[in-house]
Amino acid sequence: MPVWRALPALGMVLLLAGCALPPLEGRHVSTAIQPAEARATPLGDALAPQKAAHPGLTGVYLLSDPAMTFAAWTHLARTAQRSLDLQYYIWYADRSGTLLLRELLDAANRGVRVRLLLDDQGTRQLDTQLAALHAHPNIAVRLFNPFMTRDARWLGFLTDFDRANRRMHNKVIIADNQALISGGRNIGDSYFGATEGFLFSDLDILAVGSVVDEVSLGFDRYWQSDSAYPVHRILPVPDEPTVNRVRETLDFEADAIALDPQAGELMVAVRENYVIGQLLNGELSLEWAPTRLVIDPPTKGLGAHDPNDLLTLSLRDQLHPPVRSIDIISSFFVPTPTLTEDLATLARRGVRVRVLTNSLDATDMAPAHTGYARYRKPLLEAGVELYEMRRVAEEDPRPEGAGPFGSPATTLHAKAVVIDDRQVFIGSYNVDPRSVLLNTELGFVIDSPDLARAISHTFEMHVPTSAYRLELEDGEIRWIERTDDGLTRHTREPGAGALKRGMTWFFSLMPIEWLL
């Protein structure tokens, strides 16, 4: 056989070899710090009286304002004395991402052990910084389901689609195994309100108390999972001069960003926000309530999980069956025939069912909108109330008092469910097949009428002015827009151009709902 005929086969062999992951044998084992160590930290000492006064409960504080959340995250990292454990889907190399990376380096420099676990699909442009941080004696970085071909990650999907298609969507920072911030936000300007482009209206919680130990245990399981690869086994190991140069550059860039007027709101929030200070002083108005962690097993990242262990089933078991009302807030809402029928049945029984998701114009994922659009008519016919967040560019995208879902210039990114004004779910979980079947997720079920009523009140007061309400007219969908000038009825997807509508139509022809 001529040699040239063997070249395609040889090329495929080399391609597969180049995409193969390294072995995990000999990987360092570490766990969350022990309770006695955690109690001996400033956080532990300050929180001890509050936790003693509320045994078995979790203290929860809603973080809806993006700049305030950035400030709370920053101060929580600065408060840590023993450990910082972080788990994120996306960490952008932008202004807020650079500032928070520097916070991790500063923490490590003062002796804090930092463990950073990132989903590798969201680490673009960070390879150099992550390798340099990993070289620090107090920092360990791991990548979840990593790609060996860094500049052509599509090859990972081509050669190992099932693994590459499974991503770690969890978001949490845990300080000294005593306090955490978790919810829907990734790390980046879009999520902290520091960009002129898309903003993601989001919702996180600051939590202390009994649930923190559970989250730390969950983090350890992910950290030791077969999907978590130490960075030095994926990226080239930098020499000492390179490490020093990268860290110095990170310092310089962070200092420059801190002086940049475009980051001014974040810097003002860091200077003037006292959420963590009030927490330490026992002055923060925490809602102490029974709170349960719901989390996917890390084995879901390899498709090796027991279906009975999925977050979706835990969430179904933990949430009370709605009697009066259910509010669903989800950036991506793909209900599938099963959930569509369940929600329709509730609505026919007299339960008020309200759903808030993104409009086609506001969404950053047109294929997911396709998976939602086909279910709108049957939901509306059953009496389900559908709202789609508008995207309206204004000079002030966050009017005072608008709350986590009321900002008219935002793209919705929050994920929450409220049952009967008494129970709340907040986390990373979207109501779509991808969250159910493919991505790993994390969230909290909180039995708190006060929190539930607060979110429902925000829905009631602000969503109607920030979102289109959908109605049926002669069997056709109409989008009702409320403005200062009155009501406007749209007969097709408002705000979306012909290209985006055409993309949605094209994706509707494809059997991809299970991927959405």
Protein backbone atom coordinates (compact mmCIF):
# COMPACT_ATOMS: atom_id res chain seq x y z
CA MET A 1 0.00 0.00 0.00
CA PRO A 2 1.40 3.42 -0.89
CA VAL A 3 2.58 5.41 2.12
CA TRP A 4 0.34 8.34 1.27
CA ARG A 5 -2.77 6.20 1.78
CA ALA A 6 -1.76 5.60 5.39
CA LEU A 7 -1.33 9.28 6.18
CA PRO A 8 -4.99 9.99 7.12
CA ALA A 9 -5.00 7.07 9.57
CA LEU A 10 -1.67 8.15 11.02
CA GLY A 11 -2.96 11.70 11.37
CA MET A 12 -6.03 10.47 13.26
CA VAL A 13 -3.85 8.40 15.61
CA LEU A 14 -1.68 11.43 16.36
CA LEU A 15 -4.74 13.60 16.85
CA LEU A 16 -6.28 11.20 19.36
CA ALA A 17 -2.96 10.82 21.16
CA GLY A 18 -2.62 14.60 21.41
CA CYS A 19 -6.08 14.89 22.96
CA ALA A 20 -5.56 12.10 25.52
CA LEU A 21 -5.70 13.16 29.17
CA PRO A 22 -2.80 12.44 31.54
CA PRO A 23 -3.09 9.91 34.39
CA LEU A 24 -4.32 11.02 37.82
CA GLU A 25 -2.11 8.70 39.88
CA GLY A 26 -0.13 10.46 42.59
CA ARG A 27 -2.42 13.48 42.71
CA HIS A 28 -2.13 15.33 46.03
CA VAL A 29 -5.00 14.69 48.48
CA SER A 30 -6.43 17.55 50.53
CA THR A 31 -9.66 18.21 52.39
CA ALA A 32 -11.52 21.09 53.99
CA ILE A 33 -9.97 22.35 57.21
CA GLN A 34 -11.19 20.65 60.37
CA PRO A 35 -13.95 22.22 62.50
CA ALA A 36 -11.55 23.08 65.32
CA GLU A 37 -9.29 24.95 62.90
CA ALA A 38 -12.28 26.72 61.36
CA ARG A 39 -13.62 27.84 64.73
CA ALA A 40 -10.22 29.31 65.63
CA THR A 41 -10.32 31.80 62.71
CA PRO A 42 -11.70 35.36 63.02
CA LEU A 43 -14.72 34.23 61.02
CA GLY A 44 -15.24 31.22 63.25
CA ASP A 45 -14.83 33.24 66.43
CA ALA A 46 -17.24 35.94 65.25
CA LEU A 47 -19.88 33.51 64.04
CA ALA A 48 -19.79 31.14 67.02
CA PRO A 49 -22.33 33.07 69.18
CA GLN A 50 -24.71 33.51 66.23
CA LYS A 51 -24.56 29.82 65.30
CA ALA A 52 -25.00 28.80 68.95
CA ALA A 53 -28.15 30.89 69.11
CA HIS A 54 -29.56 29.13 66.01
CA PRO A 55 -28.53 25.46 66.29
CA GLY A 56 -29.05 23.39 63.17
CA LEU A 57 -30.05 26.41 61.07
CA THR A 58 -28.34 28.37 58.32
CA GLY A 59 -28.07 32.15 58.29
CA VAL A 60 -28.86 33.46 54.80
CA TYR A 61 -28.47 36.93 53.29
CA LEU A 62 -29.67 37.67 49.74
CA LEU A 63 -27.12 39.24 47.39
CA SER A 64 -28.98 40.71 44.43
CA ASP A 65 -27.09 43.93 43.70
CA PRO A 66 -24.07 43.09 41.49
CA ALA A 67 -21.64 45.65 42.90
CA MET A 68 -22.60 44.74 46.46
CA THR A 69 -22.02 41.08 45.64
CA PHE A 70 -18.57 41.89 44.25
CA ALA A 71 -17.74 43.79 47.43
CA ALA A 72 -19.00 40.98 49.67
CA TRP A 73 -16.96 38.43 47.67
CA THR A 74 -13.86 40.62 47.97
CA HIS A 75 -14.19 41.17 51.71
CA LEU A 76 -14.97 37.51 52.34
CA ALA A 77 -11.73 36.55 50.56
CA ARG A 78 -9.83 39.17 52.56
CA THR A 79 -11.29 37.88 55.84
CA ALA A 80 -10.14 34.29 55.28
CA GLN A 81 -7.16 33.26 57.42
CA ARG A 82 -6.85 29.50 56.83
CA SER A 83 -8.55 28.44 53.60
CA LEU A 84 -10.41 29.54 50.49
CA ASP A 85 -12.15 26.89 48.39
CA LEU A 86 -13.59 28.06 45.08
CA GLN A 87 -15.57 26.31 42.37
CA TYR A 88 -16.70 28.17 39.23
CA TYR A 89 -17.97 27.52 35.71
CA ILE A 90 -16.62 30.73 34.13
CA TRP A 91 -13.85 33.07 35.23
CA TYR A 92 -13.22 35.82 32.71
CA ALA A 93 -9.90 37.63 32.29
CA ASP A 94 -11.63 41.03 32.45
CA ARG A 95 -11.68 43.79 35.08
CA SER A 96 -13.54 42.01 37.86
CA GLY A 97 -11.94 38.66 37.01
CA THR A 98 -8.46 40.19 37.27
CA LEU A 99 -9.26 41.96 40.55
CA LEU A 100 -10.57 38.77 42.14
CA LEU A 101 -7.62 36.69 40.91
CA ARG A 102 -5.37 39.19 42.69
CA GLU A 103 -7.43 38.69 45.86
CA LEU A 104 -6.59 34.98 45.70
CA LEU A 105 -2.90 35.73 45.25
CA ASP A 106 -2.97 38.19 48.16
CA ALA A 107 -4.68 35.59 50.35
CA ALA A 108 -2.04 32.99 49.48
CA ASN A 109 0.73 35.47 50.23
CA ARG A 110 -0.59 35.89 53.77
CA GLY A 111 -0.66 32.12 54.30
CA VAL A 112 -4.18 31.14 53.26
CA ARG A 113 -4.48 27.79 51.47
CA VAL A 114 -6.34 28.41 48.20
CA ARG A 115 -7.96 25.61 46.20
CA LEU A 116 -9.42 26.78 42.88
CA LEU A 117 -11.48 24.36 40.77
CA LEU A 118 -12.61 25.72 37.41
CA ASP A 119 -14.57 24.17 34.62
CA ASP A 120 -12.13 24.23 31.72
CA GLN A 121 -14.64 25.49 29.19
CA GLY A 122 -14.70 28.79 31.07
CA THR A 123 -10.93 29.36 31.44
CA ARG A 124 -10.16 30.85 28.04
CA GLN A 125 -7.30 33.40 28.13
CA LEU A 126 -6.33 32.41 31.67
CA ASP A 127 -3.79 29.63 31.06
CA THR A 128 -0.73 31.77 31.83
CA GLN A 129 -2.20 33.19 35.04
CA LEU A 130 -3.50 29.84 36.27
CA ALA A 131 -0.13 28.15 35.73
CA ALA A 132 1.63 30.93 37.63
CA LEU A 133 -0.87 30.85 40.49
CA HIS A 134 -0.59 27.07 40.73
CA ALA A 135 3.17 27.46 41.19
CA HIS A 136 2.53 29.34 44.45
CA PRO A 137 3.10 27.04 47.46
CA ASN A 138 -0.29 27.99 48.93
CA ILE A 139 -2.38 27.74 45.73
CA ALA A 140 -3.61 24.65 43.94
CA VAL A 141 -5.59 24.95 40.70
CA ARG A 142 -7.52 22.11 39.08
CA LEU A 143 -9.48 22.00 35.83
CA PHE A 144 -12.72 20.04 35.48
CA ASN A 145 -13.02 17.96 32.30
CA PRO A 146 -10.06 19.76 30.71
CA PHE A 147 -9.05 20.13 27.08
CA MET A 148 -5.52 19.14 26.10
CA THR A 149 -5.66 21.16 22.86
CA ARG A 150 -5.83 24.61 24.39
CA ASP A 151 -6.22 26.69 21.22
CA ALA A 152 -8.57 24.29 19.43
CA ARG A 153 -10.95 23.05 22.10
CA TRP A 154 -13.38 21.95 19.42
CA LEU A 155 -11.04 18.98 18.96
CA GLY A 156 -11.99 17.86 22.46
CA PHE A 157 -15.64 17.76 21.42
CA LEU A 158 -14.69 15.95 18.22
CA THR A 159 -12.60 13.25 19.89
CA ASP A 160 -14.38 12.86 23.27
CA PHE A 161 -17.81 14.46 22.89
CA ASP A 162 -19.58 12.76 25.78
CA ARG A 163 -17.03 13.98 28.36
CA ALA A 164 -16.43 17.40 26.78
CA ASN A 165 -20.17 18.05 26.63
CA ARG A 166 -20.47 17.59 30.41
CA ARG A 167 -19.53 20.76 32.27
CA MET A 168 -19.25 21.79 35.93
CA HIS A 169 -21.77 24.61 36.35
CA ASN A 170 -21.36 24.99 40.16
CA LYS A 171 -20.50 28.39 41.65
CA VAL A 172 -19.27 28.87 45.21
CA ILE A 173 -16.55 30.46 47.35
CA ILE A 174 -16.05 29.09 50.88
CA ALA A 175 -13.94 30.99 53.42
CA ASP A 176 -12.38 29.13 56.36
CA ASN A 177 -15.14 26.52 56.13
CA GLN A 178 -17.33 29.09 57.92
CA ALA A 179 -19.06 31.28 55.33
CA LEU A 180 -19.84 31.00 51.65
CA ILE A 181 -21.26 32.90 48.69
CA SER A 182 -23.09 30.85 46.09
CA GLY A 183 -25.83 31.15 43.50
CA GLY A 184 -25.99 31.96 39.82
CA ARG A 185 -23.06 34.32 39.27
CA ASN A 186 -19.90 33.41 37.45
CA ILE A 187 -16.82 35.63 37.76
CA GLY A 188 -16.74 38.42 35.21
CA ASP A 189 -17.83 41.97 34.48
CA SER A 190 -21.14 40.85 32.96
CA TYR A 191 -22.11 39.29 36.30
CA PHE A 192 -20.99 42.17 38.52
CA GLY A 193 -22.50 44.98 36.48
CA ALA A 194 -19.15 46.35 35.30
CA THR A 195 -19.68 46.33 31.54
CA GLU A 196 -21.41 48.43 28.90
CA GLY A 197 -22.64 45.30 27.11
CA PHE A 198 -24.93 42.55 28.37
CA LEU A 199 -25.60 42.52 32.09
CA PHE A 200 -26.87 39.40 33.80
CA SER A 201 -29.48 40.08 36.46
CA ASP A 202 -28.51 37.52 39.07
CA LEU A 203 -29.07 36.22 42.58
CA ASP A 204 -26.60 34.81 45.12
CA ILE A 205 -26.70 34.12 48.83
CA LEU A 206 -24.21 34.67 51.63
CA ALA A 207 -24.63 31.72 54.00
CA VAL A 208 -23.23 30.71 57.39
CA GLY A 209 -24.13 27.89 59.72
CA SER A 210 -24.95 24.22 59.32
CA VAL A 211 -25.05 24.01 55.53
CA VAL A 212 -21.46 25.23 55.09
CA ASP A 213 -19.97 21.92 56.25
CA GLU A 214 -22.10 20.11 53.67
CA VAL A 215 -20.91 22.40 50.88
CA SER A 216 -17.28 21.92 51.94
CA LEU A 217 -17.75 18.16 51.85
CA GLY A 218 -19.26 18.49 48.38
CA PHE A 219 -16.30 20.59 47.26
CA ASP A 220 -13.88 17.91 48.50
CA ARG A 221 -15.69 15.31 46.43
CA TYR A 222 -15.34 17.42 43.31
CA TRP A 223 -11.71 18.24 44.13
CA GLN A 224 -10.85 14.53 44.36
CA SER A 225 -13.07 13.46 41.46
CA ASP A 226 -11.81 11.78 38.30
CA SER A 227 -12.71 14.93 36.35
CA ALA A 228 -10.43 17.29 38.33
CA TYR A 229 -6.92 17.57 36.86
CA PRO A 230 -4.08 19.55 38.48
CA VAL A 231 -3.15 22.40 36.19
CA HIS A 232 0.49 21.35 35.92
CA ARG A 233 -0.64 18.14 34.19
CA ILE A 234 -2.55 20.09 31.55
CA LEU A 235 -0.55 23.29 31.05
CA PRO A 236 3.19 23.82 30.57
CA VAL A 237 4.95 24.36 33.89
CA PRO A 238 6.41 27.90 33.89
CA ASP A 239 9.92 28.62 35.13
CA GLU A 240 10.50 30.89 38.12
CA PRO A 241 11.19 34.09 36.10
CA THR A 242 7.95 33.56 34.17
CA VAL A 243 6.00 32.96 37.40
CA ASN A 244 7.37 36.16 38.91
CA ARG A 245 6.64 38.15 35.76
CA VAL A 246 3.05 36.90 35.53
CA ARG A 247 2.35 37.65 39.19
CA GLU A 248 3.87 41.13 38.87
CA THR A 249 1.76 41.73 35.77
CA LEU A 250 -1.35 40.61 37.64
CA ASP A 251 -0.54 43.10 40.40
CA PHE A 252 0.07 45.89 37.90
CA GLU A 253 -3.11 45.18 35.94
CA ALA A 254 -5.22 44.98 39.09
CA ASP A 255 -3.82 48.30 40.34
CA ALA A 256 -4.54 49.91 36.96
CA ILE A 257 -8.10 48.54 36.94
CA ALA A 258 -8.70 49.89 40.45
CA LEU A 259 -7.95 53.38 39.08
CA ASP A 260 -10.02 52.91 35.92
CA PRO A 261 -13.23 55.01 35.96
CA GLN A 262 -15.07 52.11 34.33
CA ALA A 263 -14.45 50.06 37.47
CA GLY A 264 -15.40 52.94 39.72
CA GLU A 265 -18.69 51.46 40.89
CA LEU A 266 -16.97 48.26 41.98
CA MET A 267 -14.25 50.14 43.82
CA VAL A 268 -16.78 52.37 45.59
CA ALA A 269 -18.72 49.27 46.62
CA VAL A 270 -15.56 47.67 48.04
CA ARG A 271 -14.79 50.82 50.02
CA GLU A 272 -18.31 51.49 51.27
CA ASN A 273 -20.03 48.10 51.52
CA TYR A 274 -19.94 46.56 54.97
CA VAL A 275 -21.81 43.28 54.53
CA ILE A 276 -18.91 41.14 55.75
CA GLY A 277 -17.99 43.69 58.42
CA GLN A 278 -21.57 43.58 59.72
CA LEU A 279 -21.44 39.79 59.58
CA LEU A 280 -18.34 39.77 61.78
CA ASN A 281 -19.90 42.24 64.20
CA GLY A 282 -23.13 40.28 64.49
CA GLU A 283 -25.05 43.21 62.94
CA LEU A 284 -26.04 41.65 59.60
CA SER A 285 -29.75 40.83 59.29
CA LEU A 286 -29.41 37.15 58.52
CA GLU A 287 -32.47 35.03 57.90
CA TRP A 288 -31.93 31.90 60.01
CA ALA A 289 -33.83 29.04 58.44
CA PRO A 290 -33.69 25.29 57.75
CA THR A 291 -31.52 25.05 54.62
CA ARG A 292 -30.59 21.97 52.63
CA LEU A 293 -27.90 21.57 50.02
CA VAL A 294 -28.86 19.95 46.73
CA ILE A 295 -25.88 18.99 44.58
CA ASP A 296 -25.08 16.71 41.69
CA PRO A 297 -22.43 14.02 42.21
CA PRO A 298 -19.13 14.86 40.47
CA THR A 299 -19.36 11.54 38.63
CA LYS A 300 -22.04 13.19 36.50
CA GLY A 301 -19.13 14.91 34.75
CA LEU A 302 -18.17 11.54 33.26
CA GLY A 303 -21.67 10.14 32.85
CA ALA A 304 -20.91 7.57 35.56
CA HIS A 305 -23.51 8.66 38.11
CA ASP A 306 -26.47 6.87 39.62
CA PRO A 307 -29.59 8.59 38.21
CA ASN A 308 -31.10 8.51 41.70
CA ASP A 309 -28.32 10.81 42.96
CA LEU A 310 -29.11 13.70 40.61
CA LEU A 311 -29.85 17.16 41.98
CA THR A 312 -33.13 17.19 40.02
CA LEU A 313 -34.53 14.31 42.03
CA SER A 314 -33.28 15.77 45.33
CA LEU A 315 -34.90 19.08 44.42
CA ARG A 316 -38.19 17.37 43.62
CA ASP A 317 -38.12 15.61 46.99
CA GLN A 318 -37.15 18.72 48.96
CA LEU A 319 -39.66 21.18 47.47
CA HIS A 320 -43.20 21.04 48.82
CA PRO A 321 -45.94 20.42 46.25
CA PRO A 322 -47.38 23.86 45.40
CA VAL A 323 -50.82 24.55 46.82
CA ARG A 324 -51.29 28.26 46.05
CA SER A 325 -48.41 29.44 43.87
CA ILE A 326 -45.09 28.67 42.24
CA ASP A 327 -42.71 31.22 40.73
CA ILE A 328 -39.92 29.97 38.46
CA ILE A 329 -37.05 32.28 37.50
CA SER A 330 -34.64 30.70 35.04
CA SER A 331 -32.35 32.25 32.45
CA PHE A 332 -32.88 29.19 30.24
CA PHE A 333 -36.28 27.53 30.47
CA VAL A 334 -36.78 24.36 28.41
CA PRO A 335 -39.64 22.59 30.20
CA THR A 336 -39.87 19.44 27.98
CA PRO A 337 -43.24 17.64 27.62
CA THR A 338 -43.13 16.25 31.17
CA LEU A 339 -42.68 19.54 33.04
CA THR A 340 -45.03 21.31 30.64
CA GLU A 341 -47.78 18.88 31.56
CA ASP A 342 -46.94 19.14 35.29
CA LEU A 343 -47.14 22.95 35.24
CA ALA A 344 -50.28 22.88 33.15
CA THR A 345 -51.91 20.48 35.62
CA LEU A 346 -51.04 22.79 38.53
CA ALA A 347 -52.48 25.81 36.70
CA ARG A 348 -55.71 23.95 35.92
CA ARG A 349 -56.03 23.11 39.63
CA GLY A 350 -55.97 26.80 40.48
CA VAL A 351 -52.30 27.11 41.46
CA ARG A 352 -50.84 30.38 40.24
CA VAL A 353 -47.85 29.43 38.05
CA ARG A 354 -45.54 32.23 36.93
CA VAL A 355 -42.40 31.78 34.84
CA LEU A 356 -39.77 34.42 34.10
CA THR A 357 -37.13 33.70 31.46
CA ASN A 358 -35.31 35.63 28.76
CA SER A 359 -36.86 36.96 25.58
CA LEU A 360 -35.23 36.03 22.30
CA ASP A 361 -33.69 39.51 22.13
CA ALA A 362 -32.26 39.26 25.64
CA THR A 363 -30.96 35.70 25.59
CA ASP A 364 -27.33 34.92 24.83
CA MET A 365 -28.24 31.37 23.75
CA ALA A 366 -30.68 31.29 20.82
CA PRO A 367 -30.79 27.45 20.59
CA ALA A 368 -32.08 27.23 24.18
CA HIS A 369 -34.80 29.71 23.31
CA THR A 370 -35.89 27.32 20.58
CA GLY A 371 -36.36 24.58 23.16
CA TYR A 372 -38.56 26.91 25.20
CA ALA A 373 -40.59 28.48 22.38
CA ARG A 374 -42.32 25.26 21.33
CA TYR A 375 -43.93 24.93 24.78
CA ARG A 376 -45.30 28.46 25.12
CA LYS A 377 -48.72 27.84 23.62
CA PRO A 378 -49.66 24.77 25.69
CA LEU A 379 -48.48 26.53 28.85
CA LEU A 380 -50.48 29.66 28.08
CA GLU A 381 -53.54 27.60 27.14
CA ALA A 382 -53.43 25.95 30.58
CA GLY A 383 -53.27 29.30 32.38
CA VAL A 384 -49.53 29.49 33.14
CA GLU A 385 -48.29 33.11 33.25
CA LEU A 386 -45.21 33.60 31.05
CA TYR A 387 -42.89 36.60 31.25
CA GLU A 388 -39.85 37.20 29.04
CA MET A 389 -37.19 39.64 30.20
CA ARG A 390 -36.73 42.59 27.86
CA ARG A 391 -33.36 43.94 26.81
CA VAL A 392 -33.55 47.71 26.85
CA ALA A 393 -30.34 49.77 26.82
CA GLU A 394 -30.56 52.74 29.16
CA GLU A 395 -27.97 54.96 30.80
CA ASP A 396 -28.82 53.59 34.22
CA PRO A 397 -29.37 49.84 33.85
CA ARG A 398 -30.17 49.28 37.53
CA PRO A 399 -32.88 51.67 38.77
CA GLU A 400 -32.97 52.04 42.51
CA GLY A 401 -35.20 49.47 44.16
CA ALA A 402 -35.61 47.36 41.04
CA GLY A 403 -34.42 44.22 42.83
CA PRO A 404 -32.78 41.16 41.33
CA PHE A 405 -35.26 40.75 38.47
CA GLY A 406 -36.34 44.31 37.77
CA SER A 407 -33.51 45.94 35.88
CA PRO A 408 -34.71 46.73 32.35
CA ALA A 409 -31.26 46.68 30.78
CA THR A 410 -30.27 43.26 31.96
CA THR A 411 -30.19 39.76 30.63
CA LEU A 412 -31.70 37.45 33.22
CA HIS A 413 -29.19 35.00 34.68
CA ALA A 414 -30.78 34.23 38.06
CA LYS A 415 -32.10 30.78 38.94
CA ALA A 416 -34.74 30.56 41.65
CA VAL A 417 -38.00 28.83 42.54
CA VAL A 418 -40.49 30.06 45.13
CA ILE A 419 -43.23 27.77 46.48
CA ASP A 420 -46.35 29.14 48.24
CA ASP A 421 -44.43 32.13 49.63
CA ARG A 422 -42.73 29.87 52.14
CA GLN A 423 -39.93 27.95 50.42
CA VAL A 424 -37.11 29.06 48.09
CA PHE A 425 -34.57 27.40 45.84
CA ILE A 426 -31.52 29.43 44.79
CA GLY A 427 -28.56 28.00 42.90
CA SER A 428 -26.86 27.37 39.58
CA TYR A 429 -29.60 25.10 38.18
CA ASN A 430 -31.54 26.20 35.10
CA VAL A 431 -34.84 24.54 34.27
CA ASP A 432 -33.58 22.77 31.16
CA PRO A 433 -32.36 19.32 30.05
CA ARG A 434 -28.70 20.38 30.18
CA SER A 435 -28.92 21.09 33.91
CA VAL A 436 -30.87 17.88 34.44
CA LEU A 437 -28.76 15.49 32.37
CA LEU A 438 -25.35 16.94 31.50
CA ASN A 439 -23.99 19.75 33.67
CA THR A 440 -23.25 19.40 37.37
CA GLU A 441 -25.19 21.86 39.52
CA LEU A 442 -25.41 23.14 43.09
CA GLY A 443 -28.15 24.93 45.01
CA PHE A 444 -30.02 25.44 48.27
CA VAL A 445 -33.57 24.79 49.42
CA ILE A 446 -34.44 27.35 52.11
CA ASP A 447 -37.58 27.09 54.26
CA SER A 448 -38.07 30.80 54.81
CA PRO A 449 -41.39 32.62 54.31
CA ASP A 450 -39.60 35.97 54.60
CA LEU A 451 -37.16 35.22 51.77
CA ALA A 452 -39.91 33.65 49.69
CA ARG A 453 -42.17 36.66 50.09
CA ALA A 454 -39.31 39.04 49.30
CA ILE A 455 -38.60 37.34 45.97
CA SER A 456 -42.30 37.00 45.11
CA HIS A 457 -42.83 40.68 45.94
CA THR A 458 -39.99 41.61 43.59
CA PHE A 459 -41.64 39.48 40.91
CA GLU A 460 -45.00 41.15 41.53
CA MET A 461 -43.76 44.72 41.60
CA HIS A 462 -40.96 44.88 39.04
CA VAL A 463 -41.22 42.06 36.52
CA PRO A 464 -44.30 43.51 34.75
CA THR A 465 -42.33 46.67 33.88
CA SER A 466 -39.13 44.83 32.93
CA ALA A 467 -40.53 41.94 30.92
CA TYR A 468 -43.02 41.13 28.20
CA ARG A 469 -46.12 39.32 29.39
CA LEU A 470 -47.26 36.70 26.90
CA GLU A 471 -50.92 36.24 26.00
CA LEU A 472 -52.88 34.26 23.42
CA GLU A 473 -55.05 36.08 20.92
CA ASP A 474 -57.01 33.92 18.47
CA GLY A 475 -54.54 31.13 19.13
CA GLU A 476 -51.48 33.29 18.42
CA ILE A 477 -48.91 34.56 20.92
CA ARG A 478 -48.81 38.26 21.68
CA TRP A 479 -46.04 39.98 23.70
CA ILE A 480 -47.45 42.73 25.92
CA GLU A 481 -44.96 45.48 26.74
CA ARG A 482 -45.73 47.95 29.50
CA THR A 483 -44.12 51.39 29.20
CA ASP A 484 -44.77 54.86 30.55
CA ASP A 485 -46.82 55.51 27.41
CA GLY A 486 -49.09 52.53 27.98
CA LEU A 487 -49.27 49.00 26.59
CA THR A 488 -47.81 47.83 23.28
CA ARG A 489 -48.84 44.51 21.71
CA HIS A 490 -46.18 42.78 19.62
CA THR A 491 -47.17 40.10 17.13
CA ARG A 492 -43.71 38.53 16.83
CA GLU A 493 -40.59 38.12 19.00
CA PRO A 494 -39.99 41.77 20.00
CA GLY A 495 -36.57 43.32 19.67
CA ALA A 496 -35.07 40.33 17.88
CA GLY A 497 -33.78 40.91 14.36
CA ALA A 498 -34.40 38.73 11.34
CA LEU A 499 -31.06 36.95 11.78
CA LYS A 500 -31.80 35.86 15.34
CA ARG A 501 -35.33 34.79 14.43
CA GLY A 502 -33.92 32.85 11.49
CA MET A 503 -31.41 31.11 13.75
CA THR A 504 -34.19 30.12 16.11
CA TRP A 505 -36.23 28.69 13.25
CA PHE A 506 -33.20 26.74 12.00
CA PHE A 507 -32.47 25.24 15.43
CA SER A 508 -36.14 24.32 15.83
CA LEU A 509 -35.70 21.85 12.97
CA MET A 510 -32.92 19.98 14.76
CA PRO A 511 -33.39 17.19 17.37
CA ILE A 512 -31.19 18.87 19.97
CA GLU A 513 -33.53 19.48 22.90
CA TRP A 514 -31.58 17.06 25.10
CA LEU A 515 -28.49 19.27 24.64
CA LEU A 516 -30.19 22.52 25.62
